[in-house]
PDB file of N, CA and C in Angstrom:
ATOM      1  N   MET A   1       0.848  -1.180   0.000  1.00  0.00           N
ATOM      2  CA  MET A   1       0.000   0.000   0.000  1.00  0.00           C
ATOM      3  C   MET A   1       0.895   1.245   0.000  1.00  0.00           C
ATOM      4  N   ILE A   2       0.475   2.246  -0.773  1.00  0.00           N
ATOM      5  CA  ILE A   2       1.269   3.464  -0.829  1.00  0.00           C
ATOM      6  C   ILE A   2       0.775   4.451   0.220  1.00  0.00           C
ATOM      7  N   SER A   3       1.652   5.356   0.583  1.00  0.00           N
ATOM      8  CA  SER A   3       1.291   6.364   1.576  1.00  0.00           C
ATOM      9  C   SER A   3       0.499   7.484   0.904  1.00  0.00           C
ATOM     10  N   LEU A   4      -0.162   8.273   1.731  1.00  0.00           N
ATOM     11  CA  LEU A   4      -0.906   9.420   1.217  1.00  0.00           C
ATOM     12  C   LEU A   4       0.035  10.374   0.489  1.00  0.00           C
ATOM     13  N   GLU A   5       1.208  10.586   1.054  1.00  0.00           N
ATOM     14  CA  GLU A   5       2.182  11.484   0.415  1.00  0.00           C
ATOM     15  C   GLU A   5       2.591  10.961  -0.964  1.00  0.00           C
ATOM     16  N   GLN A   6       2.786   9.657  -1.071  1.00  0.00           N
ATOM     17  CA  GLN A   6       3.147   9.074  -2.368  1.00  0.00           C
ATOM     18  C   GLN A   6       2.002   9.247  -3.369  1.00  0.00           C
ATOM     19  N   ALA A   7       0.777   9.054  -2.908  1.00  0.00           N
ATOM     20  CA  ALA A   7      -0.377   9.221  -3.786  1.00  0.00           C
ATOM     21  C   ALA A   7      -0.474  10.666  -4.271  1.00  0.00           C
ATOM     22  N   LEU A   8      -0.283  11.613  -3.358  1.00  0.00           N
ATOM     23  CA  LEU A   8      -0.342  13.025  -3.742  1.00  0.00           C
ATOM     24  C   LEU A   8       0.762  13.372  -4.739  1.00  0.00           C
ATOM     25  N   ASN A   9       1.944  12.840  -4.517  1.00  0.00           N
ATOM     26  CA  ASN A   9       3.043  13.080  -5.453  1.00  0.00           C
ATOM     27  C   ASN A   9       2.718  12.515  -6.828  1.00  0.00           C
ATOM     28  N   ALA A  10       2.089  11.350  -6.873  1.00  0.00           N
ATOM     29  CA  ALA A  10       1.712  10.750  -8.153  1.00  0.00           C
ATOM     30  C   ALA A  10       0.652  11.594  -8.849  1.00  0.00           C
ATOM     31  N   VAL A  11      -0.304  12.103  -8.082  1.00  0.00           N
ATOM     32  CA  VAL A  11      -1.373  12.926  -8.650  1.00  0.00           C
ATOM     33  C   VAL A  11      -0.796  14.216  -9.221  1.00  0.00           C
ATOM     34  N   GLU A  12       0.184  14.777  -8.559  1.00  0.00           N
ATOM     35  CA  GLU A  12       0.798  16.020  -9.036  1.00  0.00           C
ATOM     36  C   GLU A  12       1.458  15.843 -10.398  1.00  0.00           C
ATOM     37  N   GLN A  13       1.784  14.618 -10.761  1.00  0.00           N
ATOM     38  CA  GLN A  13       2.410  14.350 -12.054  1.00  0.00           C
ATOM     39  C   GLN A  13       1.384  14.275 -13.185  1.00  0.00           C
ATOM     40  N   LEU A  14       0.112  14.219 -12.835  1.00  0.00           N
ATOM     41  CA  LEU A  14      -0.939  14.190 -13.847  1.00  0.00           C
ATOM     42  C   LEU A  14      -1.212  15.592 -14.364  1.00  0.00           C
ATOM     43  N   SER A  15      -1.789  15.661 -15.553  1.00  0.00           N
ATOM     44  CA  SER A  15      -2.196  16.964 -16.085  1.00  0.00           C
ATOM     45  C   SER A  15      -3.367  17.478 -15.257  1.00  0.00           C
ATOM     46  N   LEU A  16      -3.639  18.762 -15.383  1.00  0.00           N
ATOM     47  CA  LEU A  16      -4.748  19.367 -14.650  1.00  0.00           C
ATOM     48  C   LEU A  16      -6.059  18.678 -15.012  1.00  0.00           C
ATOM     49  N   GLU A  17      -6.249  18.382 -16.286  1.00  0.00           N
ATOM     50  CA  GLU A  17      -7.472  17.701 -16.727  1.00  0.00           C
ATOM     51  C   GLU A  17      -7.593  16.321 -16.077  1.00  0.00           C
ATOM     52  N   GLN A  18      -6.502  15.598 -16.013  1.00  0.00           N
ATOM     53  CA  GLN A  18      -6.515  14.274 -15.387  1.00  0.00           C
ATOM     54  C   GLN A  18      -6.767  14.376 -13.878  1.00  0.00           C
ATOM     55  N   GLN A  19      -6.203  15.409 -13.255  1.00  0.00           N
ATOM     56  CA  GLN A  19      -6.445  15.613 -11.826  1.00  0.00           C
ATOM     57  C   GLN A  19      -7.923  15.901 -11.566  1.00  0.00           C
ATOM     58  N   GLU A  20      -8.546  16.698 -12.433  1.00  0.00           N
ATOM     59  CA  GLU A  20      -9.970  16.989 -12.294  1.00  0.00           C
ATOM     60  C   GLU A  20     -10.805  15.733 -12.493  1.00  0.00           C
ATOM     61  N   MET A  21     -10.433  14.905 -13.462  1.00  0.00           N
ATOM     62  CA  MET A  21     -11.142  13.644 -13.690  1.00  0.00           C
ATOM     63  C   MET A  21     -10.992  12.731 -12.482  1.00  0.00           C
ATOM     64  N   LEU A  22      -9.789  12.657 -11.930  1.00  0.00           N
ATOM     65  CA  LEU A  22      -9.542  11.830 -10.755  1.00  0.00           C
ATOM     66  C   LEU A  22     -10.388  12.310  -9.579  1.00  0.00           C
ATOM     67  N   LEU A  23     -10.449  13.609  -9.394  1.00  0.00           N
ATOM     68  CA  LEU A  23     -11.258  14.180  -8.315  1.00  0.00           C
ATOM     69  C   LEU A  23     -12.730  13.790  -8.475  1.00  0.00           C
ATOM     70  N   GLU A  24     -13.239  13.895  -9.687  1.00  0.00           N
ATOM     71  CA  GLU A  24     -14.633  13.528  -9.944  1.00  0.00           C
ATOM     72  C   GLU A  24     -14.870  12.041  -9.681  1.00  0.00           C
ATOM     73  N   ILE A  25     -13.948  11.206 -10.113  1.00  0.00           N
ATOM     74  CA  ILE A  25     -14.065   9.763  -9.876  1.00  0.00           C
ATOM     75  C   ILE A  25     -14.066   9.468  -8.382  1.00  0.00           C
ATOM     76  N   LEU A  26     -13.151  10.088  -7.642  1.00  0.00           N
ATOM     77  CA  LEU A  26     -13.090   9.863  -6.195  1.00  0.00           C
ATOM     78  C   LEU A  26     -14.357  10.336  -5.496  1.00  0.00           C
ATOM     79  N   GLN A  27     -14.863  11.499  -5.898  1.00  0.00           N
ATOM     80  CA  GLN A  27     -16.091  12.008  -5.294  1.00  0.00           C
ATOM     81  C   GLN A  27     -17.254  11.053  -5.548  1.00  0.00           C
ATOM     82  N   ASN A  28     -17.357  10.537  -6.776  1.00  0.00           N
ATOM     83  CA  ASN A  28     -18.433   9.606  -7.105  1.00  0.00           C
ATOM     84  C   ASN A  28     -18.301   8.307  -6.314  1.00  0.00           C
ATOM     85  N   ARG A  29     -17.093   7.825  -6.165  1.00  0.00           N
ATOM     86  CA  ARG A  29     -16.881   6.594  -5.390  1.00  0.00           C
ATOM     87  C   ARG A  29     -17.229   6.794  -3.924  1.00  0.00           C
ATOM     88  N   LEU A  30     -16.845   7.952  -3.376  1.00  0.00           N
ATOM     89  CA  LEU A  30     -17.174   8.239  -1.978  1.00  0.00           C
ATOM     90  C   LEU A  30     -18.684   8.364  -1.780  1.00  0.00           C
ATOM     91  N   LEU A  31     -19.364   8.990  -2.734  1.00  0.00           N
ATOM     92  CA  LEU A  31     -20.825   9.088  -2.653  1.00  0.00           C
ATOM     93  C   LEU A  31     -21.464   7.709  -2.692  1.00  0.00           C
ATOM     94  N   ASP A  32     -20.943   6.837  -3.552  1.00  0.00           N
ATOM     95  CA  ASP A  32     -21.475   5.488  -3.652  1.00  0.00           C
ATOM     96  C   ASP A  32     -21.256   4.718  -2.353  1.00  0.00           C
ATOM     97  N   ILE A  33     -20.088   4.850  -1.767  1.00  0.00           N
ATOM     98  CA  ILE A  33     -19.801   4.187  -0.487  1.00  0.00           C
ATOM     99  C   ILE A  33     -20.750   4.696   0.583  1.00  0.00           C
ATOM    100  N   ARG A  34     -20.965   6.003   0.611  1.00  0.00           N
ATOM    101  CA  ARG A  34     -21.861   6.580   1.618  1.00  0.00           C
ATOM    102  C   ARG A  34     -23.291   6.085   1.417  1.00  0.00           C
ATOM    103  N   ARG A  35     -23.735   6.018   0.143  1.00  0.00           N
ATOM    104  CA  ARG A  35     -25.072   5.494  -0.135  1.00  0.00           C
ATOM    105  C   ARG A  35     -25.208   4.056   0.366  1.00  0.00           C
ATOM    106  N   GLN A  36     -24.182   3.259   0.147  1.00  0.00           N
ATOM    107  CA  GLN A  36     -24.206   1.877   0.616  1.00  0.00           C
ATOM    108  C   GLN A  36     -24.292   1.822   2.142  1.00  0.00           C
ATOM    109  N   GLU A  37     -23.555   2.698   2.820  1.00  0.00           N
ATOM    110  CA  GLU A  37     -23.615   2.746   4.287  1.00  0.00           C
ATOM    111  C   GLU A  37     -25.014   3.131   4.766  1.00  0.00           C
ATOM    112  N   ILE A  38     -25.606   4.120   4.121  1.00  0.00           N
ATOM    113  CA  ILE A  38     -26.952   4.562   4.506  1.00  0.00           C
ATOM    114  C   ILE A  38     -27.952   3.431   4.282  1.00  0.00           C
ATOM    115  N   ALA A  39     -27.839   2.731   3.148  1.00  0.00           N
ATOM    116  CA  ALA A  39     -28.753   1.625   2.862  1.00  0.00           C
ATOM    117  C   ALA A  39     -28.580   0.507   3.889  1.00  0.00           C
ATOM    118  N   ARG A  40     -27.341   0.192   4.246  1.00  0.00           N
ATOM    119  CA  ARG A  40     -27.083  -0.843   5.243  1.00  0.00           C
ATOM    120  C   ARG A  40     -27.671  -0.439   6.597  1.00  0.00           C
ATOM    121  N   ASP A  41     -27.441   0.814   6.995  1.00  0.00           N
ATOM    122  CA  ASP A  41     -27.983   1.302   8.264  1.00  0.00           C
ATOM    123  C   ASP A  41     -29.509   1.245   8.262  1.00  0.00           C
ATOM    124  N   ALA A  42     -30.112   1.593   7.134  1.00  0.00           N
ATOM    125  CA  ALA A  42     -31.570   1.557   7.040  1.00  0.00           C
ATOM    126  C   ALA A  42     -32.081   0.126   7.176  1.00  0.00           C
ATOM    127  N   ARG A  43     -31.437  -0.820   6.487  1.00  0.00           N
ATOM    128  CA  ARG A  43     -31.842  -2.223   6.598  1.00  0.00           C
ATOM    129  C   ARG A  43     -31.715  -2.722   8.035  1.00  0.00           C
ATOM    130  N   GLU A  44     -30.615  -2.374   8.685  1.00  0.00           N
ATOM    131  CA  GLU A  44     -30.409  -2.793  10.069  1.00  0.00           C
ATOM    132  C   GLU A  44     -31.460  -2.188  10.990  1.00  0.00           C
ATOM    133  N   SER A  45     -31.804  -0.932  10.769  1.00  0.00           N
ATOM    134  CA  SER A  45     -32.812  -0.268  11.598  1.00  0.00           C
ATOM    135  C   SER A  45     -34.187  -0.884  11.373  1.00  0.00           C
ATOM    136  N   ILE A  46     -34.522  -1.175  10.132  1.00  0.00           N
ATOM    137  CA  ILE A  46     -35.813  -1.800   9.834  1.00  0.00           C
ATOM    138  C   ILE A  46     -35.892  -3.177  10.475  1.00  0.00           C
ATOM    139  N   ASN A  47     -34.819  -3.950  10.372  1.00  0.00           N
ATOM    140  CA  ASN A  47     -34.792  -5.269  11.002  1.00  0.00           C
ATOM    141  C   ASN A  47     -34.938  -5.159  12.518  1.00  0.00           C
ATOM    142  N   ALA A  48     -34.237  -4.214  13.106  1.00  0.00           N
ATOM    143  CA  ALA A  48     -34.317  -4.022  14.556  1.00  0.00           C
ATOM    144  C   ALA A  48     -35.732  -3.621  14.963  1.00  0.00           C
ATOM    145  N   PHE A  49     -36.370  -2.770  14.162  1.00  0.00           N
ATOM    146  CA  PHE A  49     -37.743  -2.364  14.452  1.00  0.00           C
ATOM    147  C   PHE A  49     -38.679  -3.572  14.396  1.00  0.00           C
ATOM    148  N   HIS A  50     -38.526  -4.398  13.353  1.00  0.00           N
ATOM    149  CA  HIS A  50     -39.383  -5.578  13.220  1.00  0.00           C
ATOM    150  C   HIS A  50     -39.146  -6.592  14.338  1.00  0.00           C
ATOM    151  N   GLN A  51     -37.951  -6.583  14.894  1.00  0.00           N
ATOM    152  CA  GLN A  51     -37.647  -7.496  15.996  1.00  0.00           C
ATOM    153  C   GLN A  51     -38.060  -6.910  17.353  1.00  0.00           C
ATOM    154  N   GLY A  52     -38.643  -5.725  17.322  1.00  0.00           N
ATOM    155  CA  GLY A  52     -39.134  -5.127  18.552  1.00  0.00           C
ATOM    156  C   GLY A  52     -38.099  -4.346  19.339  1.00  0.00           C
ATOM    157  N   GLU A  53     -36.946  -4.100  18.753  1.00  0.00           N
ATOM    158  CA  GLU A  53     -35.901  -3.355  19.455  1.00  0.00           C
ATOM    159  C   GLU A  53     -36.208  -1.856  19.507  1.00  0.00           C
ATOM    160  N   PHE A  54     -37.013  -1.392  18.576  1.00  0.00           N
ATOM    161  CA  PHE A  54     -37.421   0.012  18.554  1.00  0.00           C
ATOM    162  C   PHE A  54     -38.925   0.071  18.675  1.00  0.00           C
ATOM    163  N   LYS A  55     -39.397   1.074  19.355  1.00  0.00           N
ATOM    164  CA  LYS A  55     -40.830   1.282  19.511  1.00  0.00           C
ATOM    165  C   LYS A  55     -41.215   2.586  18.824  1.00  0.00           C
ATOM    166  N   PRO A  56     -42.426   2.645  18.274  1.00  0.00           N
ATOM    167  CA  PRO A  56     -42.883   3.908  17.685  1.00  0.00           C
ATOM    168  C   PRO A  56     -42.873   5.022  18.724  1.00  0.00           C
ATOM    169  N   GLN A  57     -42.487   6.216  18.297  1.00  0.00           N
ATOM    170  CA  GLN A  57     -42.453   7.374  19.179  1.00  0.00           C
ATOM    171  C   GLN A  57     -43.126   8.539  18.484  1.00  0.00           C
ATOM    172  N   PRO A  58     -43.642   9.481  19.273  1.00  0.00           N
ATOM    173  CA  PRO A  58     -44.224  10.686  18.667  1.00  0.00           C
ATOM    174  C   PRO A  58     -43.162  11.456  17.874  1.00  0.00           C
ATOM    175  N   LEU A  59     -43.615  12.068  16.797  1.00  0.00           N
ATOM    176  CA  LEU A  59     -42.711  12.815  15.930  1.00  0.00           C
ATOM    177  C   LEU A  59     -41.932  13.879  16.700  1.00  0.00           C
ATOM    178  N   GLU A  60     -42.560  14.553  17.634  1.00  0.00           N
ATOM    179  CA  GLU A  60     -41.898  15.622  18.384  1.00  0.00           C
ATOM    180  C   GLU A  60     -40.671  15.096  19.130  1.00  0.00           C
ATOM    181  N   ILE A  61     -40.787  13.910  19.704  1.00  0.00           N
ATOM    182  CA  ILE A  61     -39.658  13.325  20.439  1.00  0.00           C
ATOM    183  C   ILE A  61     -38.533  12.952  19.483  1.00  0.00           C
ATOM    184  N   VAL A  62     -38.894  12.364  18.362  1.00  0.00           N
ATOM    185  CA  VAL A  62     -37.887  11.973  17.377  1.00  0.00           C
ATOM    186  C   VAL A  62     -37.139  13.202  16.868  1.00  0.00           C
ATOM    187  N   LEU A  63     -37.874  14.253  16.528  1.00  0.00           N
ATOM    188  CA  LEU A  63     -37.235  15.476  16.024  1.00  0.00           C
ATOM    189  C   LEU A  63     -36.350  16.122  17.084  1.00  0.00           C
ATOM    190  N   ARG A  64     -36.807  16.153  18.332  1.00  0.00           N
ATOM    191  CA  ARG A  64     -36.017  16.732  19.404  1.00  0.00           C
ATOM    192  C   ARG A  64     -34.707  15.955  19.573  1.00  0.00           C
ATOM    193  N   GLU A  65     -34.783  14.635  19.578  1.00  0.00           N
ATOM    194  CA  GLU A  65     -33.569  13.823  19.740  1.00  0.00           C
ATOM    195  C   GLU A  65     -32.624  13.991  18.560  1.00  0.00           C
ATOM    196  N   LEU A  66     -33.198  14.100  17.369  1.00  0.00           N
ATOM    197  CA  LEU A  66     -32.376  14.311  16.178  1.00  0.00           C
ATOM    198  C   LEU A  66     -31.660  15.655  16.258  1.00  0.00           C
ATOM    199  N   ARG A  67     -32.372  16.694  16.661  1.00  0.00           N
ATOM    200  CA  ARG A  67     -31.744  18.026  16.798  1.00  0.00           C
ATOM    201  C   ARG A  67     -30.636  18.000  17.832  1.00  0.00           C
ATOM    202  N   GLU A  68     -30.858  17.294  18.928  1.00  0.00           N
ATOM    203  CA  GLU A  68     -29.847  17.207  19.986  1.00  0.00           C
ATOM    204  C   GLU A  68     -28.574  16.519  19.484  1.00  0.00           C
ATOM    205  N   THR A  69     -28.724  15.501  18.652  1.00  0.00           N
ATOM    206  CA  THR A  69     -27.532  14.817  18.141  1.00  0.00           C
ATOM    207  C   THR A  69     -26.784  15.674  17.126  1.00  0.00           C
ATOM    208  N   LEU A  70     -27.502  16.579  16.473  1.00  0.00           N
ATOM    209  CA  LEU A  70     -26.861  17.443  15.472  1.00  0.00           C
ATOM    210  C   LEU A  70     -26.163  18.645  16.088  1.00  0.00           C
ATOM    211  N   GLU A  71     -26.499  18.973  17.311  1.00  0.00           N
ATOM    212  CA  GLU A  71     -25.895  20.152  17.969  1.00  0.00           C
ATOM    213  C   GLU A  71     -24.551  19.875  18.553  1.00  0.00           C
TER     214      GLU A  71
END
């Protein structure tokens, strides 16, 4: 495995156009990975709900807890 510094040095050897293409490819791959994580988390949450690990709650409580985690 190469180090981050080695990767950056290799990228610097690319043309500006190639660097922009690489950036776009990396951004798309990261978005795809994040989508997969969100889908996995959603499946796990749905399964946990069906198994009775989560109980329905009023919307106000859910929103309050969500705001608290974001602060």
